[in-house]
């Protein structure tokens, strides 16, 4: 109990320095948490992938379409339970800065293959029968204050023209990590317009999605699908949904690697901040440690005194940093929602942040403890300053 009182007195000895050290650790923990959340959020789509879904795209590039006639051939492949398709539409809603996925999908099957997008039966029926109908993610609907029945006007870029979409449903994610920012519209609306304006682009889709019965057979099923269209004018590449999503992440690989490296550099910064404070404190208290030894304080008492102060500073700084992390991430989620479907710190991020702060406390106390234990009482009493 007396050691605890001494620790508290030492913390109050240089209040400004102690507060600045805690603040520095808090900011470092906050920065570390945000950077790790950026990385985990970027990979959210990859982590949310399921093993029983395959994706088939043009082998040359994802941007080239595939004939609609491929659908029935893929559906006949053994192991394929159901097939759906989608087409990247993009376009501009309000302005180019308002980004969210705008994708034409097959209304009959899309939500069967993606049960993580929760819609009501009434919304699905409306989506099926309304040619220009669309179902909007809850986050995007809230951001633009849109509701069922509203009309969304999108200026086409890949598909030129002015497109009018009527919202027939708002979908929610089954899990917290499910993307709620997308807009899925009836592909038939797009195809019917193309038949009138540019017939050569009609009857084509962006990619196929296959629901397979046995995920362990995904390699053989993928090969069977691709063999169907070998040496054709539009050869295919079939891969797991995780691999498909990973291909988009790989485009930003260098940036993510840099963020990852910097996040761990911040751990070193935490250590340097606290180590500097503890070394300064140990030097100032050399005579005090000698006096404590003289009056009977054991090595264990000195270890507890120095170690306790370092841990207290690192723990408070870490807690403050974590307390700031959640509201900061919530604010960033609103501001950068078009880039991240989910922006919530993962448990592993919190564990790593707390561990880094505590590790800094442990390591930074090592030198002062070693100095205090090996110091001769006479040498300590002679120390000035």
Foldseek 3Di string as FASTA:
>chain_A
DVLVVLLVVLCPPCVVLLVVLLQLLLVLLLLLLQLVLVLCLLCLQLVPFDLQKKKKAFPVDLQDWDFLVLQVVLCPQPQFDHKWFKAFFWFDFPHPVQFDTEMEIALVCPCVVVVQWDWDPQLSVCQNPPQQEKEAFPLQCVLVVHDAQDWTWGATDVQGDIGIHGYSYYTYGPDQSDFRGHMYHHVNSVQVVCCVPPVVPHRIGSMMMTRGDDSVCQVVSQVVSQVVQPPHPGGMGMDGSSVVSVVVVVVCVVVSVVSVVVSVVSLVVSLVSLLVVLVVSLLVCLLVLLVCVVVPDDLVSVLCNSLVSLQVSLQSSLVSSVVVNQVVQVVVCSVPVSSGSHRGRDPVSSVVSSVSSNVSSVVSSVVSSVCSVPDDSVVSNPRDD
